Amino acid sequence: MIDLKSTEELGGMRAACAAAARVLRDLCTLVVPGVTTAGLDQAAKGLMLRHGCESACHGYVVNRLTYPGHICVSVNDEVVHGIGSASRVICEGDLVSLDVVVRREGFIGDNARTVLVGGVAPAARRLCQDTERALLAGIAAARAGNRVGDISSAIQSVLTPGGYGIVRDFVGHGVGRKMHEEPQIPNFGKAGSGPKLLSGMTLAIEPMVNLGTHKIVMASDGWTARTADGKPSAHFEHTVLVTEEGPEILTLP
């Protein structure tokens, strides 16, 4: 069942998403050569406290594995769910994907961005630009009366000309009181297919895109997904409200 948020619930969602956006905005400024991914994770914990929220990732359990970080920080060929490490140092030319999911008064705010560190290879820069363009195209299709497949198709139409690998193992999703709600929102698909979009739906739209193959492999930690060919990946995400007037991005800073 797809949850439609009441006016009162939307107030909670807006506050949670605003907090998530502020944390991500402030955290992006700290991504510089020499910082460790564990340092970014701890900085995120402090920023969440400052902005009146807490991590929804920390302690999250999947298949009996408990996520230890406060954010997901994924570098270069790490697609999603990277865990901060004191031994992983950010370097010039890295792509650093920050996925910030917070809880505030029972509601979830979810957003992500890939940060380019210094002089990045042109192909990797284009990957990030096109992934963000695909996100905006998907958001534009999140209108009442459309279908989930319209979002998926809009995202795919931006990415296909570049020959990118669109990740299939992880998809966007509904979000609200839980981090993952219905519907699932693939980043590829057929326009006009899937569940109908209704006013009051809140959706986490998040293209995850690889410079090479779409295939992934899982690291030994059981969480970190990497590209199968070792090429870089990008990840951009917003939480969006579907309304009769069009999409409203809730995670704008």
C-alpha atoms as a PDB file:
ATOM      1  CA  MET A   1       0.000   0.000   0.000  1.00  0.00           C
ATOM      2  CA  ILE A   2       1.304   3.446  -0.949  1.00  0.00           C
ATOM      3  CA  ASP A   3       0.962   5.960   1.868  1.00  0.00           C
ATOM      4  CA  LEU A   4      -0.582   9.362   1.163  1.00  0.00           C
ATOM      5  CA  LYS A   5       0.520  11.965   3.681  1.00  0.00           C
ATOM      6  CA  SER A   6      -1.986  14.144   5.521  1.00  0.00           C
ATOM      7  CA  THR A   7      -1.472  17.887   5.925  1.00  0.00           C
ATOM      8  CA  GLU A   8      -0.143  17.300   9.441  1.00  0.00           C
ATOM      9  CA  GLU A   9       2.219  14.567   8.263  1.00  0.00           C
ATOM     10  CA  LEU A  10       3.500  16.783   5.472  1.00  0.00           C
ATOM     11  CA  GLY A  11       4.496  19.330   8.083  1.00  0.00           C
ATOM     12  CA  GLY A  12       6.642  16.665   9.721  1.00  0.00           C
ATOM     13  CA  MET A  13       8.085  15.588   6.373  1.00  0.00           C
ATOM     14  CA  ARG A  14       8.979  19.147   5.416  1.00  0.00           C
ATOM     15  CA  ALA A  15      10.809  19.695   8.701  1.00  0.00           C
ATOM     16  CA  ALA A  16      12.722  16.412   8.437  1.00  0.00           C
ATOM     17  CA  CYS A  17      13.665  17.036   4.814  1.00  0.00           C
ATOM     18  CA  ALA A  18      14.787  20.589   5.550  1.00  0.00           C
ATOM     19  CA  ALA A  19      17.064  19.250   8.282  1.00  0.00           C
ATOM     20  CA  ALA A  20      18.448  16.572   5.937  1.00  0.00           C
ATOM     21  CA  ALA A  21      19.157  19.204   3.283  1.00  0.00           C
ATOM     22  CA  ARG A  22      21.011  21.432   5.735  1.00  0.00           C
ATOM     23  CA  VAL A  23      23.157  18.560   6.971  1.00  0.00           C
ATOM     24  CA  LEU A  24      24.076  17.545   3.412  1.00  0.00           C
ATOM     25  CA  ARG A  25      24.770  21.148   2.392  1.00  0.00           C
ATOM     26  CA  ASP A  26      27.117  21.730   5.327  1.00  0.00           C
ATOM     27  CA  LEU A  27      28.779  18.323   4.965  1.00  0.00           C
ATOM     28  CA  CYS A  28      29.619  18.892   1.298  1.00  0.00           C
ATOM     29  CA  THR A  29      31.799  21.867   2.265  1.00  0.00           C
ATOM     30  CA  LEU A  30      33.980  19.544   4.384  1.00  0.00           C
ATOM     31  CA  VAL A  31      34.871  17.194   1.515  1.00  0.00           C
ATOM     32  CA  VAL A  32      38.485  18.205   0.823  1.00  0.00           C
ATOM     33  CA  PRO A  33      41.742  16.338   0.229  1.00  0.00           C
ATOM     34  CA  GLY A  34      43.139  14.881   3.438  1.00  0.00           C
ATOM     35  CA  VAL A  35      39.888  14.311   5.302  1.00  0.00           C
ATOM     36  CA  THR A  36      38.963  10.709   6.085  1.00  0.00           C
ATOM     37  CA  THR A  37      35.588   9.177   5.377  1.00  0.00           C
ATOM     38  CA  ALA A  38      35.315   8.400   9.112  1.00  0.00           C
ATOM     39  CA  GLY A  39      35.903  12.098   9.755  1.00  0.00           C
ATOM     40  CA  LEU A  40      33.027  12.957   7.432  1.00  0.00           C
ATOM     41  CA  ASP A  41      30.797  10.464   9.215  1.00  0.00           C
ATOM     42  CA  GLN A  42      31.552  11.999  12.608  1.00  0.00           C
ATOM     43  CA  ALA A  43      31.078  15.500  11.215  1.00  0.00           C
ATOM     44  CA  ALA A  44      27.675  14.425   9.936  1.00  0.00           C
ATOM     45  CA  LYS A  45      26.740  13.186  13.407  1.00  0.00           C
ATOM     46  CA  GLY A  46      27.568  16.609  14.831  1.00  0.00           C
ATOM     47  CA  LEU A  47      25.681  18.430  12.088  1.00  0.00           C
ATOM     48  CA  MET A  48      22.595  16.319  12.730  1.00  0.00           C
ATOM     49  CA  LEU A  49      22.699  17.306  16.380  1.00  0.00           C
ATOM     50  CA  ARG A  50      23.068  20.961  15.372  1.00  0.00           C
ATOM     51  CA  HIS A  51      20.106  20.786  12.990  1.00  0.00           C
ATOM     52  CA  GLY A  52      17.797  18.952  15.395  1.00  0.00           C
ATOM     53  CA  CYS A  53      17.710  15.487  13.865  1.00  0.00           C
ATOM     54  CA  GLU A  54      19.391  12.096  14.100  1.00  0.00           C
ATOM     55  CA  SER A  55      20.716   9.514  11.676  1.00  0.00           C
ATOM     56  CA  ALA A  56      18.170   7.084  10.255  1.00  0.00           C
ATOM     57  CA  CYS A  57      21.038   4.939   8.914  1.00  0.00           C
ATOM     58  CA  HIS A  58      22.865   4.312  12.189  1.00  0.00           C
ATOM     59  CA  GLY A  59      21.725   0.980  13.569  1.00  0.00           C
ATOM     60  CA  TYR A  60      19.645   0.117  10.480  1.00  0.00           C
ATOM     61  CA  VAL A  61      19.408  -3.675  10.166  1.00  0.00           C
ATOM     62  CA  VAL A  62      19.282  -5.659   6.909  1.00  0.00           C
ATOM     63  CA  ASN A  63      19.811  -9.426   6.796  1.00  0.00           C
ATOM     64  CA  ARG A  64      21.008  -9.360  10.413  1.00  0.00           C
ATOM     65  CA  LEU A  65      23.716  -6.816   9.554  1.00  0.00           C
ATOM     66  CA  THR A  66      23.649  -3.543  11.501  1.00  0.00           C
ATOM     67  CA  TYR A  67      24.850  -0.421   9.705  1.00  0.00           C
ATOM     68  CA  PRO A  68      27.550   1.253  11.833  1.00  0.00           C
ATOM     69  CA  GLY A  69      27.775   4.685  10.196  1.00  0.00           C
ATOM     70  CA  HIS A  70      25.705   7.858  10.511  1.00  0.00           C
ATOM     71  CA  ILE A  71      25.749   8.499   6.768  1.00  0.00           C
ATOM     72  CA  CYS A  72      26.716   6.502   3.691  1.00  0.00           C
ATOM     73  CA  VAL A  73      29.951   7.829   2.178  1.00  0.00           C
ATOM     74  CA  SER A  74      30.965   6.113  -1.064  1.00  0.00           C
ATOM     75  CA  VAL A  75      34.133   6.970  -2.982  1.00  0.00           C
ATOM     76  CA  ASN A  76      34.863   6.518  -6.710  1.00  0.00           C
ATOM     77  CA  ASP A  77      33.839   2.942  -7.642  1.00  0.00           C
ATOM     78  CA  GLU A  78      31.690   2.586  -4.505  1.00  0.00           C
ATOM     79  CA  VAL A  79      28.099   2.972  -5.666  1.00  0.00           C
ATOM     80  CA  VAL A  80      26.180   3.210  -2.384  1.00  0.00           C
ATOM     81  CA  HIS A  81      26.272   2.317   1.323  1.00  0.00           C
ATOM     82  CA  GLY A  82      29.971   2.925   1.874  1.00  0.00           C
ATOM     83  CA  ILE A  83      30.985   2.955   5.554  1.00  0.00           C
ATOM     84  CA  GLY A  84      33.249   5.695   6.897  1.00  0.00           C
ATOM     85  CA  SER A  85      36.789   4.500   7.625  1.00  0.00           C
ATOM     86  CA  ALA A  86      39.714   6.133   9.429  1.00  0.00           C
ATOM     87  CA  SER A  87      42.055   4.646   6.825  1.00  0.00           C
ATOM     88  CA  ARG A  88      40.194   5.989   3.771  1.00  0.00           C
ATOM     89  CA  VAL A  89      41.621   9.414   2.940  1.00  0.00           C
ATOM     90  CA  ILE A  90      39.959  11.655   0.365  1.00  0.00           C
ATOM     91  CA  CYS A  91      42.303  12.643  -2.463  1.00  0.00           C
ATOM     92  CA  GLU A  92      42.345  15.174  -5.296  1.00  0.00           C
ATOM     93  CA  GLY A  93      40.279  13.841  -8.199  1.00  0.00           C
ATOM     94  CA  ASP A  94      37.958  11.665  -6.087  1.00  0.00           C
ATOM     95  CA  LEU A  95      34.193  11.426  -6.458  1.00  0.00           C
ATOM     96  CA  VAL A  96      32.609  11.298  -3.004  1.00  0.00           C
ATOM     97  CA  SER A  97      28.920  10.366  -2.758  1.00  0.00           C
ATOM     98  CA  LEU A  98      27.239  11.459   0.478  1.00  0.00           C
ATOM     99  CA  ASP A  99      23.866   9.887   1.294  1.00  0.00           C
ATOM    100  CA  VAL A 100      22.273  11.639   4.270  1.00  0.00           C
ATOM    101  CA  VAL A 101      19.103  10.150   5.753  1.00  0.00           C
ATOM    102  CA  VAL A 102      17.785  11.715   8.962  1.00  0.00           C
ATOM    103  CA  ARG A 103      14.892  11.214  11.340  1.00  0.00           C
ATOM    104  CA  ARG A 104      13.142  14.155  12.976  1.00  0.00           C
ATOM    105  CA  GLU A 105      10.106  13.684  15.215  1.00  0.00           C
ATOM    106  CA  GLY A 106       9.237  10.392  13.545  1.00  0.00           C
ATOM    107  CA  PHE A 107       9.669  11.465   9.900  1.00  0.00           C
ATOM    108  CA  ILE A 108      12.459  10.760   7.431  1.00  0.00           C
ATOM    109  CA  GLY A 109      14.363  13.147   5.172  1.00  0.00           C
ATOM    110  CA  ASP A 110      16.537  11.545   2.499  1.00  0.00           C
ATOM    111  CA  ASN A 111      18.981  13.181   0.070  1.00  0.00           C
ATOM    112  CA  ALA A 112      22.322  12.496  -1.591  1.00  0.00           C
ATOM    113  CA  ARG A 113      24.942  14.224  -3.684  1.00  0.00           C
ATOM    114  CA  THR A 114      28.232  13.309  -5.335  1.00  0.00           C
ATOM    115  CA  VAL A 115      30.979  15.835  -4.603  1.00  0.00           C
ATOM    116  CA  LEU A 116      33.831  16.341  -7.064  1.00  0.00           C
ATOM    117  CA  VAL A 117      37.135  16.857  -5.251  1.00  0.00           C
ATOM    118  CA  GLY A 118      39.416  19.246  -7.122  1.00  0.00           C
ATOM    119  CA  GLY A 119      40.459  18.376 -10.655  1.00  0.00           C
ATOM    120  CA  VAL A 120      38.255  15.452 -11.688  1.00  0.00           C
ATOM    121  CA  ALA A 121      38.643  13.547 -14.966  1.00  0.00           C
ATOM    122  CA  PRO A 122      36.342  14.967 -17.694  1.00  0.00           C
ATOM    123  CA  ALA A 123      34.422  11.690 -18.108  1.00  0.00           C
ATOM    124  CA  ALA A 124      33.753  11.511 -14.365  1.00  0.00           C
ATOM    125  CA  ARG A 125      32.642  15.147 -14.335  1.00  0.00           C
ATOM    126  CA  ARG A 126      30.197  14.474 -17.183  1.00  0.00           C
ATOM    127  CA  LEU A 127      28.916  11.421 -15.311  1.00  0.00           C
ATOM    128  CA  CYS A 128      28.020  13.586 -12.319  1.00  0.00           C
ATOM    129  CA  GLN A 129      26.476  16.326 -14.446  1.00  0.00           C
ATOM    130  CA  ASP A 130      24.340  13.857 -16.380  1.00  0.00           C
ATOM    131  CA  THR A 131      23.265  11.992 -13.241  1.00  0.00           C
ATOM    132  CA  GLU A 132      22.072  15.238 -11.674  1.00  0.00           C
ATOM    133  CA  ARG A 133      20.273  16.162 -14.914  1.00  0.00           C
ATOM    134  CA  ALA A 134      18.600  12.760 -14.844  1.00  0.00           C
ATOM    135  CA  LEU A 135      17.444  13.365 -11.276  1.00  0.00           C
ATOM    136  CA  LEU A 136      15.857  16.675 -12.280  1.00  0.00           C
ATOM    137  CA  ALA A 137      14.152  15.021 -15.261  1.00  0.00           C
ATOM    138  CA  GLY A 138      12.757  12.325 -12.990  1.00  0.00           C
ATOM    139  CA  ILE A 139      11.500  14.922 -10.534  1.00  0.00           C
ATOM    140  CA  ALA A 140       9.758  16.839 -13.322  1.00  0.00           C
ATOM    141  CA  ALA A 141       7.802  13.680 -14.159  1.00  0.00           C
ATOM    142  CA  ALA A 142       6.629  13.209 -10.545  1.00  0.00           C
ATOM    143  CA  ARG A 143       3.235  14.780 -11.169  1.00  0.00           C
ATOM    144  CA  ALA A 144      -0.181  13.643  -9.970  1.00  0.00           C
ATOM    145  CA  GLY A 145      -1.795  11.564 -12.707  1.00  0.00           C
ATOM    146  CA  ASN A 146       1.495  10.274 -14.093  1.00  0.00           C
ATOM    147  CA  ARG A 147       2.856   6.836 -13.236  1.00  0.00           C
ATOM    148  CA  VAL A 148       6.050   5.599 -11.623  1.00  0.00           C
ATOM    149  CA  GLY A 149       7.235   4.461 -15.051  1.00  0.00           C
ATOM    150  CA  ASP A 150       7.137   8.072 -16.245  1.00  0.00           C
ATOM    151  CA  ILE A 151       9.750   8.964 -13.620  1.00  0.00           C
ATOM    152  CA  SER A 152      11.845   5.929 -14.548  1.00  0.00           C
ATOM    153  CA  SER A 153      11.618   6.622 -18.279  1.00  0.00           C
ATOM    154  CA  ALA A 154      12.531  10.305 -17.851  1.00  0.00           C
ATOM    155  CA  ILE A 155      15.661   9.373 -15.915  1.00  0.00           C
ATOM    156  CA  GLN A 156      16.659   6.707 -18.433  1.00  0.00           C
ATOM    157  CA  SER A 157      16.136   9.017 -21.412  1.00  0.00           C
ATOM    158  CA  VAL A 158      18.784  11.409 -20.074  1.00  0.00           C
ATOM    159  CA  LEU A 159      21.311   8.671 -19.318  1.00  0.00           C
ATOM    160  CA  THR A 160      21.002   6.300 -22.279  1.00  0.00           C
ATOM    161  CA  PRO A 161      22.701   8.605 -24.848  1.00  0.00           C
ATOM    162  CA  GLY A 162      25.816   8.697 -22.646  1.00  0.00           C
ATOM    163  CA  GLY A 163      26.124   4.920 -22.610  1.00  0.00           C
ATOM    164  CA  TYR A 164      26.119   4.823 -18.811  1.00  0.00           C
ATOM    165  CA  GLY A 165      25.401   1.803 -16.659  1.00  0.00           C
ATOM    166  CA  ILE A 166      22.147   2.465 -14.793  1.00  0.00           C
ATOM    167  CA  VAL A 167      22.235   0.535 -11.523  1.00  0.00           C
ATOM    168  CA  ARG A 168      19.460  -2.045 -11.281  1.00  0.00           C
ATOM    169  CA  ASP A 169      20.122  -3.572  -7.868  1.00  0.00           C
ATOM    170  CA  PHE A 170      19.142  -0.399  -5.982  1.00  0.00           C
ATOM    171  CA  VAL A 171      16.214   1.912  -6.784  1.00  0.00           C
ATOM    172  CA  GLY A 172      14.332   4.916  -5.505  1.00  0.00           C
ATOM    173  CA  HIS A 173      11.388   4.442  -3.165  1.00  0.00           C
ATOM    174  CA  GLY A 174       8.602   5.942  -1.152  1.00  0.00           C
ATOM    175  CA  VAL A 175       9.634   7.561   2.126  1.00  0.00           C
ATOM    176  CA  GLY A 176       7.794   8.850   5.187  1.00  0.00           C
ATOM    177  CA  ARG A 177       7.764   7.443   8.694  1.00  0.00           C
ATOM    178  CA  LYS A 178       9.973   4.651   7.351  1.00  0.00           C
ATOM    179  CA  MET A 179      13.110   5.001   5.260  1.00  0.00           C
ATOM    180  CA  HIS A 180      11.812   2.605   2.618  1.00  0.00           C
ATOM    181  CA  GLU A 181       8.140   2.599   1.669  1.00  0.00           C
ATOM    182  CA  GLU A 182       6.197   1.717  -1.466  1.00  0.00           C
ATOM    183  CA  PRO A 183       6.449   2.310  -4.365  1.00  0.00           C
ATOM    184  CA  GLN A 184       9.819   1.236  -5.697  1.00  0.00           C
ATOM    185  CA  ILE A 185      11.122   3.642  -8.342  1.00  0.00           C
ATOM    186  CA  PRO A 186      13.626   2.107 -10.779  1.00  0.00           C
ATOM    187  CA  ASN A 187      15.894   4.449 -12.729  1.00  0.00           C
ATOM    188  CA  PHE A 188      14.916   2.757 -15.975  1.00  0.00           C
ATOM    189  CA  GLY A 189      11.542   1.700 -17.328  1.00  0.00           C
ATOM    190  CA  LYS A 190       8.598   2.283 -19.613  1.00  0.00           C
ATOM    191  CA  ALA A 191       6.557   5.473 -19.561  1.00  0.00           C
ATOM    192  CA  GLY A 192       2.939   4.915 -18.542  1.00  0.00           C
ATOM    193  CA  SER A 193       3.715   1.791 -16.506  1.00  0.00           C
ATOM    194  CA  GLY A 194       3.574   1.128 -12.780  1.00  0.00           C
ATOM    195  CA  PRO A 195       1.503   2.620  -9.962  1.00  0.00           C
ATOM    196  CA  LYS A 196      -0.332   5.870 -10.516  1.00  0.00           C
ATOM    197  CA  LEU A 197       1.117   8.949  -8.811  1.00  0.00           C
ATOM    198  CA  LEU A 198      -1.297  10.648  -6.416  1.00  0.00           C
ATOM    199  CA  SER A 199      -1.150  13.920  -4.540  1.00  0.00           C
ATOM    200  CA  GLY A 200       0.341  13.360  -1.080  1.00  0.00           C
ATOM    201  CA  MET A 201       2.929  10.752  -2.090  1.00  0.00           C
ATOM    202  CA  THR A 202       6.457  11.457  -0.871  1.00  0.00           C
ATOM    203  CA  LEU A 203       9.161   9.842  -2.980  1.00  0.00           C
ATOM    204  CA  ALA A 204      12.938   9.482  -2.746  1.00  0.00           C
ATOM    205  CA  ILE A 205      14.090   9.740  -6.362  1.00  0.00           C
ATOM    206  CA  GLU A 206      17.735   8.718  -6.700  1.00  0.00           C
ATOM    207  CA  PRO A 207      19.563   7.805  -9.892  1.00  0.00           C
ATOM    208  CA  MET A 208      22.699   5.723  -9.219  1.00  0.00           C
ATOM    209  CA  VAL A 209      24.771   5.661 -12.374  1.00  0.00           C
ATOM    210  CA  ASN A 210      28.070   4.037 -13.355  1.00  0.00           C
ATOM    211  CA  LEU A 211      30.578   5.166 -15.949  1.00  0.00           C
ATOM    212  CA  GLY A 212      30.870   1.551 -17.143  1.00  0.00           C
ATOM    213  CA  THR A 213      28.754  -1.529 -16.508  1.00  0.00           C
ATOM    214  CA  HIS A 214      25.550  -1.426 -14.503  1.00  0.00           C
ATOM    215  CA  LYS A 215      26.673  -4.531 -12.625  1.00  0.00           C
ATOM    216  CA  ILE A 216      27.797  -4.326  -9.018  1.00  0.00           C
ATOM    217  CA  VAL A 217      29.678  -6.478  -6.526  1.00  0.00           C
ATOM    218  CA  MET A 218      29.323  -6.425  -2.752  1.00  0.00           C
ATOM    219  CA  ALA A 219      32.307  -5.752  -0.491  1.00  0.00           C
ATOM    220  CA  SER A 220      33.186  -8.075   2.380  1.00  0.00           C
ATOM    221  CA  ASP A 221      31.549  -5.685   4.891  1.00  0.00           C
ATOM    222  CA  GLY A 222      28.176  -6.778   3.522  1.00  0.00           C
ATOM    223  CA  TRP A 223      27.087  -3.179   2.879  1.00  0.00           C
ATOM    224  CA  THR A 224      29.294  -1.417   0.345  1.00  0.00           C
ATOM    225  CA  ALA A 225      28.246  -1.898  -3.292  1.00  0.00           C
ATOM    226  CA  ARG A 226      30.979  -1.342  -5.884  1.00  0.00           C
ATOM    227  CA  THR A 227      30.990  -1.253  -9.671  1.00  0.00           C
ATOM    228  CA  ALA A 228      31.942  -4.636 -11.117  1.00  0.00           C
ATOM    229  CA  ASP A 229      34.490  -3.075 -13.497  1.00  0.00           C
ATOM    230  CA  GLY A 230      36.046  -0.628 -11.020  1.00  0.00           C
ATOM    231  CA  LYS A 231      34.841   2.471 -12.886  1.00  0.00           C
ATOM    232  CA  PRO A 232      33.404   5.431 -10.940  1.00  0.00           C
ATOM    233  CA  SER A 233      29.779   5.881  -9.947  1.00  0.00           C
ATOM    234  CA  ALA A 234      27.575   8.895  -9.151  1.00  0.00           C
ATOM    235  CA  HIS A 235      24.505   9.271  -6.915  1.00  0.00           C
ATOM    236  CA  PHE A 236      22.097  12.200  -6.610  1.00  0.00           C
ATOM    237  CA  GLU A 237      18.840  12.179  -4.636  1.00  0.00           C
ATOM    238  CA  HIS A 238      15.983  14.370  -3.452  1.00  0.00           C
ATOM    239  CA  THR A 239      12.819  13.675  -1.483  1.00  0.00           C
ATOM    240  CA  VAL A 240       9.872  14.941  -3.522  1.00  0.00           C
ATOM    241  CA  LEU A 241       6.194  15.553  -2.753  1.00  0.00           C
ATOM    242  CA  VAL A 242       3.665  14.807  -5.500  1.00  0.00           C
ATOM    243  CA  THR A 243       0.977  17.508  -5.738  1.00  0.00           C
ATOM    244  CA  GLU A 244      -1.783  18.465  -8.172  1.00  0.00           C
ATOM    245  CA  GLU A 245       0.278  21.517  -9.153  1.00  0.00           C
ATOM    246  CA  GLY A 246       3.460  19.522  -9.791  1.00  0.00           C
ATOM    247  CA  PRO A 247       6.411  18.158  -7.817  1.00  0.00           C
ATOM    248  CA  GLU A 248       7.699  19.924  -4.717  1.00  0.00           C
ATOM    249  CA  ILE A 249      11.330  19.184  -3.778  1.00  0.00           C
ATOM    250  CA  LEU A 250      11.353  18.880   0.014  1.00  0.00           C
ATOM    251  CA  THR A 251      15.141  18.557   0.376  1.00  0.00           C
ATOM    252  CA  LEU A 252      16.193  21.909  -1.040  1.00  0.00           C
ATOM    253  CA  PRO A 253      18.645  23.508   1.425  1.00  0.00           C
END
